[in-house]
Amino acid sequence: MIHDCRGLEVTAADPAAVMAFDRAIEAVFGHRADAGAAIQATLEADPDMALCWILRGAANLLLAKQESVPIAGEALARAERSLITRGGTARERHLAGALRAWAAGNMRQATDRIDEALGSNPLDGFALKLGHGLKFMLGDLVGMRRSLERVLPHWRADVPDSGYVLGCHAFVLEESGDLVQAERVGRQALDWAPRDVWGAHAVTHVFEMQGRAADGIAWLASQAAQLPAVNNFAYHMHWHRALFHLALGEIEPVLALYDGSIRGTRTDDFRDMANAVSLLWRLEAQGVDVGRRWDELADLATARGADPSLAFALAHRAFALVAARRLDVLARLIAELDVWVVDNGTCQAGVLRVIGLPLLRAILAEAAGHPDQAVDILFPIRHRLQSLGGSHAQRDLFHWFLTDAAIAAGRRTEAFELLADRTDRHATTDWAADRLTGLAAIAA
């Protein structure tokens, strides 16, 4: 038994493996591109280290792709064989149980196992960041905040990686609407961990919600030096910068960022797709011609098909399909999902039944020229959109879509209510102001 940098017991054959794993967790906290190399170094030092195989399996499941599940299953098998032959700590067994549940599609059960590990080991950085990310995918803001605030007193300034934990806390504070405190904690996170891109991201969200576009651009410029070392999360930071330019009516920088920094590498990672889809949709909603930029996104959405791994990802693929006028593809996708969710007990099947499939149907209805149907479907369940996961800024796309559908359908009451809901939590943008002005003129 060997101890990690925070004093937790780790089942490993070589101290070098534990040191490499510590580096891997710090890289995961920082969303850095060298995380994979640190994982590989860990397994080279100890090919049977259970915790590292659990991390590798979880990294694959975070991709939310069907083809990643067997790869995660192989990593889980390696971890479980190691726990049988070597033994292991209760923490390691809880985390293996979390990976097992997640690979089976039981994401909420996985978060329960992670919380059990974290409850007994509040300085477990791996469990903390993994649970934070998984609950974010589930839209479980209450759970994210509860888990963090239970363990936060243990993460003093002298504890390794404590700055990254403050960055996680800053993000949940922002998503909870505690914007002033979120900015303070996010800045403190960067004082403690200057490479904490997630903490920098939390402060960026504060500027977004407060409508401080110029401050946001300056803030992101101050963080630019660290982005080359960041994984594809760097594209998301550039997406935020593009939103600030869009809020200022600066279209040329938005398109330059899209073509160069956001979509310069044309991956089908659902997070990269979400950046691209939501930005193009916003541009078109404000009357900007985006040319043929939708085509490659629609091609990737068509190729991915009805992969049900994550409803959030499906929604963005649906927007790409209708933007490229591939309504028949979306209709077939919905039909496949209708069959898949029947008697399916996985977490995402439940999300699809309640909100995911209704959203897809609303997107299809609006694209087919029936905005009234879209409003009928989505307006009554709009407050459940958080269960799709993502942040307020990301889910703002769905709010824009529903508001414009209500306006197109002549549903002024619903449109006013939607705009009022948005201005309660988000600074008024040109898009919202234009809609409010137009509605007021009609009402007059």
Protein backbone atom coordinates (compact mmCIF):
# COMPACT_ATOMS: atom_id res chain seq x y z
CA MET A 1 0.00 0.00 0.00
CA ILE A 2 1.35 3.38 -1.11
CA HIS A 3 0.07 6.87 -0.32
CA ASP A 4 -0.73 9.54 -2.88
CA CYS A 5 0.14 13.23 -2.69
CA ARG A 6 -2.82 13.86 -0.35
CA GLY A 7 -2.11 10.91 1.94
CA LEU A 8 -4.75 8.50 0.60
CA GLU A 9 -3.92 4.81 0.36
CA VAL A 10 -3.47 3.47 -3.17
CA THR A 11 -3.06 -0.17 -4.16
CA ALA A 12 -0.05 -0.13 -6.46
CA ALA A 13 3.17 -2.02 -7.09
CA ASP A 14 5.47 0.96 -7.47
CA PRO A 15 5.60 4.47 -5.94
CA ALA A 16 6.43 5.79 -9.43
CA ALA A 17 2.98 4.67 -10.59
CA VAL A 18 1.28 6.60 -7.80
CA MET A 19 3.33 9.69 -8.56
CA ALA A 20 2.37 9.44 -12.24
CA PHE A 21 -1.28 8.97 -11.26
CA ASP A 22 -1.10 12.12 -9.15
CA ARG A 23 0.10 13.93 -12.27
CA ALA A 24 -2.75 12.41 -14.26
CA ILE A 25 -5.36 13.65 -11.78
CA GLU A 26 -3.83 17.13 -11.74
CA ALA A 27 -3.99 17.11 -15.57
CA VAL A 28 -7.63 15.96 -15.47
CA PHE A 29 -8.45 18.78 -13.05
CA GLY A 30 -6.82 21.19 -15.51
CA HIS A 31 -8.42 19.70 -18.65
CA ARG A 32 -4.91 19.38 -20.04
CA ALA A 33 -3.83 17.55 -23.15
CA ASP A 34 -1.08 15.69 -21.26
CA ALA A 35 -3.55 13.69 -19.16
CA GLY A 36 -3.33 10.75 -21.56
CA ALA A 37 0.45 10.67 -21.36
CA ALA A 38 0.29 10.68 -17.54
CA ILE A 39 -2.19 7.78 -17.60
CA GLN A 40 0.13 5.88 -19.93
CA ALA A 41 3.11 6.58 -17.65
CA THR A 42 1.12 5.25 -14.70
CA LEU A 43 0.36 1.97 -16.45
CA GLU A 44 3.94 1.61 -17.64
CA ALA A 45 5.05 1.84 -14.01
CA ASP A 46 2.30 -0.53 -12.86
CA PRO A 47 0.26 -2.28 -15.59
CA ASP A 48 -2.27 -3.55 -13.04
CA MET A 49 -3.04 -0.44 -11.03
CA ALA A 50 -6.81 -0.57 -10.55
CA LEU A 51 -7.39 3.15 -10.03
CA CYS A 52 -5.68 4.01 -13.29
CA TRP A 53 -7.77 1.50 -15.24
CA ILE A 54 -10.87 3.04 -13.67
CA LEU A 55 -9.71 6.46 -14.81
CA ARG A 56 -9.09 5.18 -18.34
CA GLY A 57 -12.55 3.61 -18.45
CA ALA A 58 -14.22 6.79 -17.20
CA ALA A 59 -12.33 8.89 -19.74
CA ASN A 60 -13.86 6.79 -22.50
CA LEU A 61 -17.38 7.03 -21.12
CA LEU A 62 -17.08 10.81 -20.90
CA LEU A 63 -16.99 10.80 -24.71
CA ALA A 64 -20.67 9.72 -24.74
CA LYS A 65 -20.27 7.42 -27.76
CA GLN A 66 -21.59 3.90 -28.08
CA GLU A 67 -18.28 2.60 -29.41
CA SER A 68 -16.51 3.80 -26.27
CA VAL A 69 -18.54 1.55 -23.98
CA PRO A 70 -16.71 -1.71 -24.87
CA ILE A 71 -13.38 0.05 -24.40
CA ALA A 72 -14.51 1.20 -20.96
CA GLY A 73 -15.69 -2.34 -20.27
CA GLU A 74 -12.21 -3.69 -21.00
CA ALA A 75 -10.70 -1.14 -18.62
CA LEU A 76 -13.24 -2.12 -15.96
CA ALA A 77 -12.33 -5.79 -16.39
CA ARG A 78 -8.65 -4.98 -15.86
CA ALA A 79 -9.48 -2.99 -12.73
CA GLU A 80 -11.69 -5.73 -11.29
CA ARG A 81 -9.09 -8.43 -11.97
CA SER A 82 -6.54 -6.32 -10.14
CA LEU A 83 -8.87 -5.84 -7.17
CA ILE A 84 -9.39 -9.62 -6.99
CA THR A 85 -5.73 -10.59 -7.24
CA ARG A 86 -4.23 -7.75 -5.19
CA GLY A 87 -7.07 -6.68 -3.00
CA GLY A 88 -7.94 -3.02 -2.78
CA THR A 89 -9.28 -0.24 -0.62
CA ALA A 90 -12.97 0.47 -0.08
CA ARG A 91 -12.47 3.65 -2.12
CA GLU A 92 -11.11 1.70 -5.07
CA ARG A 93 -14.00 -0.76 -4.89
CA HIS A 94 -16.55 2.08 -4.77
CA LEU A 95 -14.98 3.70 -7.83
CA ALA A 96 -14.90 0.39 -9.69
CA GLY A 97 -18.59 0.03 -8.83
CA ALA A 98 -19.21 3.50 -10.21
CA LEU A 99 -17.53 2.60 -13.50
CA ARG A 100 -19.52 -0.65 -13.66
CA ALA A 101 -22.80 1.20 -13.17
CA TRP A 102 -21.91 3.90 -15.69
CA ALA A 103 -20.87 1.38 -18.34
CA ALA A 104 -24.26 -0.27 -17.88
CA GLY A 105 -25.99 3.06 -18.47
CA ASN A 106 -26.83 3.73 -14.82
CA MET A 107 -25.26 7.16 -14.52
CA ARG A 108 -27.09 8.19 -11.34
CA GLN A 109 -26.11 4.98 -9.60
CA ALA A 110 -22.54 5.75 -10.64
CA THR A 111 -22.70 9.14 -8.93
CA ASP A 112 -23.96 7.42 -5.77
CA ARG A 113 -20.91 5.14 -5.73
CA ILE A 114 -18.63 8.12 -6.33
CA ASP A 115 -20.22 10.00 -3.44
CA GLU A 116 -19.67 6.97 -1.21
CA ALA A 117 -15.98 7.01 -2.09
CA LEU A 118 -15.78 10.75 -1.51
CA GLY A 119 -17.69 10.58 1.76
CA SER A 120 -14.99 8.42 3.34
CA ASN A 121 -12.13 10.13 1.53
CA PRO A 122 -12.91 13.84 1.15
CA LEU A 123 -9.44 14.49 -0.32
CA ASP A 124 -10.01 12.08 -3.20
CA GLY A 125 -9.37 14.40 -6.15
CA PHE A 126 -10.21 11.70 -8.68
CA ALA A 127 -13.64 11.01 -7.17
CA LEU A 128 -14.35 14.71 -6.73
CA LYS A 129 -13.61 15.70 -10.35
CA LEU A 130 -15.27 12.58 -11.78
CA GLY A 131 -18.44 13.14 -9.77
CA HIS A 132 -18.45 16.83 -10.69
CA GLY A 133 -18.24 16.02 -14.39
CA LEU A 134 -20.79 13.22 -14.35
CA LYS A 135 -23.35 15.26 -12.41
CA PHE A 136 -22.79 18.11 -14.86
CA MET A 137 -23.74 15.74 -17.68
CA LEU A 138 -26.88 14.83 -15.73
CA GLY A 139 -27.85 18.43 -14.99
CA ASP A 140 -27.67 17.62 -11.27
CA LEU A 141 -26.69 21.05 -9.99
CA VAL A 142 -27.97 20.34 -6.48
CA GLY A 143 -25.85 17.21 -6.29
CA MET A 144 -22.79 18.99 -7.67
CA ARG A 145 -23.03 21.69 -5.02
CA ARG A 146 -23.84 19.33 -2.16
CA SER A 147 -20.89 17.04 -2.89
CA LEU A 148 -18.44 19.91 -3.17
CA GLU A 149 -19.57 21.78 -0.09
CA ARG A 150 -19.38 18.65 2.05
CA VAL A 151 -15.69 18.18 1.31
CA LEU A 152 -14.56 21.78 0.71
CA PRO A 153 -13.43 22.42 4.32
CA HIS A 154 -10.83 19.64 3.91
CA TRP A 155 -9.22 21.28 0.87
CA ARG A 156 -7.02 23.88 2.56
CA ALA A 157 -4.55 26.00 0.62
CA ASP A 158 -1.67 23.62 1.44
CA VAL A 159 -3.46 20.55 0.02
CA PRO A 160 -2.24 19.64 -3.49
CA ASP A 161 -4.72 20.63 -6.23
CA SER A 162 -6.94 22.61 -3.83
CA GLY A 163 -7.11 25.49 -6.30
CA TYR A 164 -8.79 23.22 -8.83
CA VAL A 165 -11.41 22.30 -6.25
CA LEU A 166 -12.12 25.98 -5.68
CA GLY A 167 -12.58 26.26 -9.44
CA CYS A 168 -15.22 23.52 -9.33
CA HIS A 169 -16.92 25.33 -6.47
CA ALA A 170 -16.87 28.60 -8.40
CA PHE A 171 -18.64 26.92 -11.28
CA VAL A 172 -21.47 25.52 -9.17
CA LEU A 173 -21.85 28.89 -7.46
CA GLU A 174 -22.25 30.55 -10.85
CA GLU A 175 -24.75 27.97 -12.06
CA SER A 176 -26.65 28.44 -8.78
CA GLY A 177 -26.93 32.17 -9.45
CA ASP A 178 -24.42 33.28 -6.80
CA LEU A 179 -22.51 35.34 -9.35
CA VAL A 180 -20.58 37.72 -7.09
CA GLN A 181 -19.31 34.90 -4.90
CA ALA A 182 -18.56 32.76 -7.95
CA GLU A 183 -16.29 35.43 -9.41
CA ARG A 184 -14.47 35.87 -6.09
CA VAL A 185 -13.94 32.12 -5.62
CA GLY A 186 -12.95 31.64 -9.25
CA ARG A 187 -10.27 34.29 -9.03
CA GLN A 188 -9.02 32.75 -5.79
CA ALA A 189 -8.89 29.37 -7.53
CA LEU A 190 -6.51 30.80 -10.11
CA ASP A 191 -4.37 32.37 -7.40
CA TRP A 192 -3.93 28.89 -5.94
CA ALA A 193 -3.77 27.01 -9.26
CA PRO A 194 -2.79 29.31 -12.15
CA ARG A 195 -3.47 26.55 -14.70
CA ASP A 196 -7.06 26.02 -13.55
CA VAL A 197 -8.89 26.52 -16.84
CA TRP A 198 -12.14 25.30 -15.24
CA GLY A 199 -11.91 28.05 -12.63
CA ALA A 200 -11.19 30.55 -15.42
CA HIS A 201 -14.22 29.12 -17.19
CA ALA A 202 -16.38 29.72 -14.12
CA VAL A 203 -15.42 33.40 -14.07
CA THR A 204 -16.13 33.56 -17.81
CA HIS A 205 -19.65 32.30 -17.11
CA VAL A 206 -20.16 35.08 -14.58
CA PHE A 207 -19.35 37.67 -17.25
CA GLU A 208 -21.73 35.92 -19.65
CA MET A 209 -24.63 35.92 -17.20
CA GLN A 210 -23.99 39.55 -16.19
CA GLY A 211 -23.67 40.77 -19.78
CA ARG A 212 -20.08 41.97 -19.23
CA ALA A 213 -18.90 41.18 -22.75
CA ALA A 214 -15.89 43.52 -22.83
CA ASP A 215 -14.73 42.23 -19.43
CA GLY A 216 -15.16 38.68 -20.72
CA ILE A 217 -13.00 39.29 -23.78
CA ALA A 218 -10.27 40.87 -21.64
CA TRP A 219 -10.48 38.02 -19.14
CA LEU A 220 -10.13 35.37 -21.83
CA ALA A 221 -7.20 37.26 -23.33
CA SER A 222 -5.50 37.05 -19.92
CA GLN A 223 -5.98 33.27 -19.96
CA ALA A 224 -4.91 32.70 -23.56
CA ALA A 225 -1.35 31.65 -22.75
CA GLN A 226 -2.48 28.46 -21.04
CA LEU A 227 -4.89 27.29 -23.77
CA PRO A 228 -2.30 25.56 -26.02
CA ALA A 229 -1.74 23.05 -23.18
CA VAL A 230 -5.49 22.44 -22.74
CA ASN A 231 -7.36 19.61 -24.46
CA ASN A 232 -10.41 20.28 -26.65
CA PHE A 233 -11.90 22.26 -23.77
CA ALA A 234 -9.86 25.10 -25.28
CA TYR A 235 -12.40 25.16 -28.14
CA HIS A 236 -15.12 25.81 -25.58
CA MET A 237 -13.20 28.74 -24.15
CA HIS A 238 -12.93 30.19 -27.65
CA TRP A 239 -16.70 29.62 -27.99
CA HIS A 240 -17.24 31.82 -24.96
CA ARG A 241 -15.06 34.51 -26.50
CA ALA A 242 -17.15 34.30 -29.68
CA LEU A 243 -20.32 34.79 -27.61
CA PHE A 244 -18.87 37.96 -26.12
CA HIS A 245 -18.05 39.32 -29.57
CA LEU A 246 -21.54 38.38 -30.74
CA ALA A 247 -23.05 40.26 -27.81
CA LEU A 248 -21.11 43.33 -28.96
CA GLY A 249 -22.32 42.91 -32.54
CA GLU A 250 -18.81 42.08 -33.77
CA ILE A 251 -19.60 39.42 -36.36
CA GLU A 252 -16.26 39.21 -38.16
CA PRO A 253 -14.35 38.09 -35.03
CA VAL A 254 -17.10 35.53 -34.32
CA LEU A 255 -16.75 33.93 -37.75
CA ALA A 256 -12.95 34.07 -37.53
CA LEU A 257 -13.04 32.30 -34.17
CA TYR A 258 -15.48 29.73 -35.51
CA ASP A 259 -13.37 28.85 -38.53
CA GLY A 260 -10.03 28.99 -36.76
CA SER A 261 -10.29 28.13 -33.08
CA ILE A 262 -13.70 26.53 -32.58
CA ARG A 263 -14.04 24.44 -35.72
CA GLY A 264 -10.50 24.44 -37.06
CA THR A 265 -10.33 20.78 -35.99
CA ARG A 266 -13.53 19.12 -37.18
CA THR A 267 -14.11 16.48 -34.52
CA ASP A 268 -17.41 14.78 -33.75
CA ASP A 269 -16.84 15.07 -29.99
CA PHE A 270 -20.26 16.06 -28.65
CA ARG A 271 -18.79 19.00 -26.73
CA ASP A 272 -17.12 20.37 -29.85
CA MET A 273 -20.31 19.82 -31.82
CA ALA A 274 -22.31 21.69 -29.16
CA ASN A 275 -19.97 24.68 -29.42
CA ALA A 276 -20.33 24.81 -33.19
CA VAL A 277 -24.06 24.15 -33.45
CA SER A 278 -25.08 26.62 -30.79
CA LEU A 279 -22.89 29.38 -32.20
CA LEU A 280 -24.15 28.97 -35.78
CA TRP A 281 -27.73 28.88 -34.51
CA ARG A 282 -27.25 32.11 -32.61
CA LEU A 283 -25.68 33.75 -35.64
CA GLU A 284 -28.57 32.78 -37.89
CA ALA A 285 -31.09 33.88 -35.26
CA GLN A 286 -29.54 37.33 -35.52
CA GLY A 287 -29.72 37.39 -39.30
CA VAL A 288 -26.14 36.38 -40.12
CA ASP A 289 -25.54 34.24 -43.21
CA VAL A 290 -23.23 31.40 -42.12
CA GLY A 291 -22.82 29.99 -45.61
CA ARG A 292 -22.19 26.25 -45.91
CA ARG A 293 -20.82 25.84 -42.40
CA TRP A 294 -23.75 23.64 -41.39
CA ASP A 295 -22.88 20.95 -43.93
CA GLU A 296 -19.99 19.30 -42.12
CA LEU A 297 -21.90 19.33 -38.84
CA ALA A 298 -24.91 17.73 -40.49
CA ASP A 299 -22.64 15.11 -42.08
CA LEU A 300 -21.24 14.21 -38.65
CA ALA A 301 -24.74 14.17 -37.14
CA THR A 302 -25.97 11.88 -39.90
CA ALA A 303 -23.03 9.54 -39.40
CA ARG A 304 -23.53 9.42 -35.63
CA GLY A 305 -27.23 8.69 -36.11
CA ALA A 306 -29.41 7.74 -33.17
CA ASP A 307 -26.55 7.08 -30.74
CA PRO A 308 -28.49 7.39 -27.45
CA SER A 309 -25.48 7.85 -25.18
CA LEU A 310 -26.41 11.42 -24.23
CA ALA A 311 -29.63 13.33 -24.90
CA PHE A 312 -27.75 16.65 -24.77
CA ALA A 313 -25.62 15.52 -27.71
CA LEU A 314 -28.65 14.29 -29.63
CA ALA A 315 -30.35 17.67 -29.31
CA HIS A 316 -27.40 19.47 -30.86
CA ARG A 317 -27.15 16.94 -33.68
CA ALA A 318 -30.86 17.53 -34.35
CA PHE A 319 -30.28 21.26 -34.74
CA ALA A 320 -27.50 20.56 -37.25
CA LEU A 321 -29.76 18.27 -39.25
CA VAL A 322 -32.64 20.71 -39.54
CA ALA A 323 -30.30 23.61 -40.32
CA ALA A 324 -29.04 21.58 -43.30
CA ARG A 325 -32.66 20.68 -44.17
CA ARG A 326 -32.17 16.98 -43.47
CA LEU A 327 -35.57 16.61 -41.86
CA ASP A 328 -35.97 13.06 -43.12
CA VAL A 329 -32.80 12.03 -41.29
CA LEU A 330 -34.07 13.55 -38.05
CA ALA A 331 -37.47 11.87 -38.47
CA ARG A 332 -35.78 8.46 -38.86
CA LEU A 333 -33.57 9.18 -35.86
CA ILE A 334 -36.61 9.97 -33.70
CA ALA A 335 -38.34 6.78 -34.85
CA GLU A 336 -35.28 4.71 -33.87
CA LEU A 337 -35.11 6.34 -30.47
CA ASP A 338 -38.83 5.77 -29.89
CA VAL A 339 -38.14 2.05 -30.22
CA TRP A 340 -34.94 2.16 -28.16
CA VAL A 341 -36.49 3.80 -25.09
CA VAL A 342 -39.25 1.19 -24.77
CA ASP A 343 -38.52 -0.94 -21.67
CA ASN A 344 -35.02 0.52 -21.47
CA GLY A 345 -34.01 1.25 -17.90
CA THR A 346 -30.85 3.26 -18.51
CA CYS A 347 -30.51 6.82 -17.28
CA GLN A 348 -30.46 8.41 -20.72
CA ALA A 349 -33.52 6.44 -21.83
CA GLY A 350 -35.37 8.11 -18.97
CA VAL A 351 -34.06 11.54 -19.95
CA LEU A 352 -35.07 10.95 -23.55
CA ARG A 353 -38.59 9.90 -22.61
CA VAL A 354 -39.20 12.94 -20.43
CA ILE A 355 -37.45 15.76 -22.28
CA GLY A 356 -35.03 14.58 -24.99
CA LEU A 357 -37.51 13.14 -27.48
CA PRO A 358 -40.05 15.94 -26.96
CA LEU A 359 -37.28 18.43 -27.72
CA LEU A 360 -36.31 16.56 -30.88
CA ARG A 361 -39.94 16.49 -31.99
CA ALA A 362 -40.25 20.21 -31.31
CA ILE A 363 -37.13 20.92 -33.38
CA LEU A 364 -38.52 18.84 -36.24
CA ALA A 365 -41.97 20.45 -36.03
CA GLU A 366 -40.58 23.98 -36.14
CA ALA A 367 -38.32 23.13 -39.08
CA ALA A 368 -41.31 21.65 -40.92
CA GLY A 369 -43.17 24.93 -40.61
CA HIS A 370 -45.23 24.16 -37.51
CA PRO A 371 -43.87 26.42 -34.74
CA ASP A 372 -47.18 26.16 -32.89
CA GLN A 373 -46.62 22.42 -32.50
CA ALA A 374 -43.12 23.05 -31.21
CA VAL A 375 -44.51 25.39 -28.54
CA ASP A 376 -47.27 22.93 -27.61
CA ILE A 377 -44.67 20.20 -27.11
CA LEU A 378 -41.90 22.09 -25.34
CA PHE A 379 -43.39 25.02 -23.45
CA PRO A 380 -45.10 22.89 -20.73
CA ILE A 381 -41.85 21.03 -19.95
CA ARG A 382 -39.34 23.86 -20.45
CA HIS A 383 -38.36 23.91 -16.77
CA ARG A 384 -37.11 20.33 -17.10
CA LEU A 385 -34.53 21.17 -19.75
CA GLN A 386 -31.82 21.17 -17.07
CA SER A 387 -32.03 17.37 -16.98
CA LEU A 388 -30.32 17.38 -20.39
CA GLY A 389 -27.14 18.56 -18.66
CA GLY A 390 -24.83 21.36 -19.71
CA SER A 391 -24.63 24.88 -18.35
CA HIS A 392 -27.12 27.75 -18.40
CA ALA A 393 -25.10 29.28 -21.24
CA GLN A 394 -25.25 26.07 -23.26
CA ARG A 395 -28.95 25.46 -22.64
CA ASP A 396 -29.66 29.05 -23.69
CA LEU A 397 -29.79 27.65 -27.23
CA PHE A 398 -32.94 25.72 -26.35
CA HIS A 399 -34.44 28.85 -24.81
CA TRP A 400 -33.70 30.89 -27.94
CA PHE A 401 -35.26 28.18 -30.06
CA LEU A 402 -38.47 27.97 -28.04
CA THR A 403 -38.83 31.75 -27.78
CA ASP A 404 -38.48 32.23 -31.53
CA ALA A 405 -40.92 29.39 -32.14
CA ALA A 406 -43.45 31.12 -29.87
CA ILE A 407 -42.99 34.40 -31.74
CA ALA A 408 -43.32 32.67 -35.13
CA ALA A 409 -46.51 30.96 -33.94
CA GLY A 410 -48.00 34.27 -32.75
CA ARG A 411 -47.98 33.02 -29.15
CA ARG A 412 -47.21 36.38 -27.53
CA THR A 413 -48.12 35.33 -23.99
CA GLU A 414 -45.69 32.41 -24.03
CA ALA A 415 -43.00 34.50 -25.73
CA PHE A 416 -43.25 37.25 -23.11
CA GLU A 417 -43.08 34.67 -20.32
CA LEU A 418 -40.02 33.01 -21.85
CA LEU A 419 -38.22 36.32 -22.23
CA ALA A 420 -39.12 37.31 -18.67
CA ASP A 421 -37.77 34.00 -17.37
CA ARG A 422 -34.53 34.56 -19.22
CA THR A 423 -33.99 38.12 -18.01
CA ASP A 424 -34.46 36.91 -14.43
CA ARG A 425 -31.18 34.99 -14.64
CA HIS A 426 -29.32 36.44 -17.63
CA ALA A 427 -28.42 39.97 -18.67
CA THR A 428 -30.51 41.24 -21.56
CA THR A 429 -28.77 40.73 -24.91
CA ASP A 430 -29.49 42.35 -28.27
CA TRP A 431 -31.32 39.18 -29.27
CA ALA A 432 -33.65 39.38 -26.26
CA ALA A 433 -34.06 43.14 -26.55
CA ASP A 434 -35.02 42.86 -30.21
CA ARG A 435 -37.65 40.23 -29.39
CA LEU A 436 -39.08 42.27 -26.53
CA THR A 437 -39.25 45.38 -28.71
CA GLY A 438 -40.97 43.50 -31.50
CA LEU A 439 -43.51 41.93 -29.16
CA ALA A 440 -44.25 45.27 -27.51
CA ALA A 441 -44.87 46.85 -30.90
CA ILE A 442 -47.32 44.12 -31.82
CA ALA A 443 -49.09 44.39 -28.49
CA ALA A 444 -49.44 48.15 -28.94
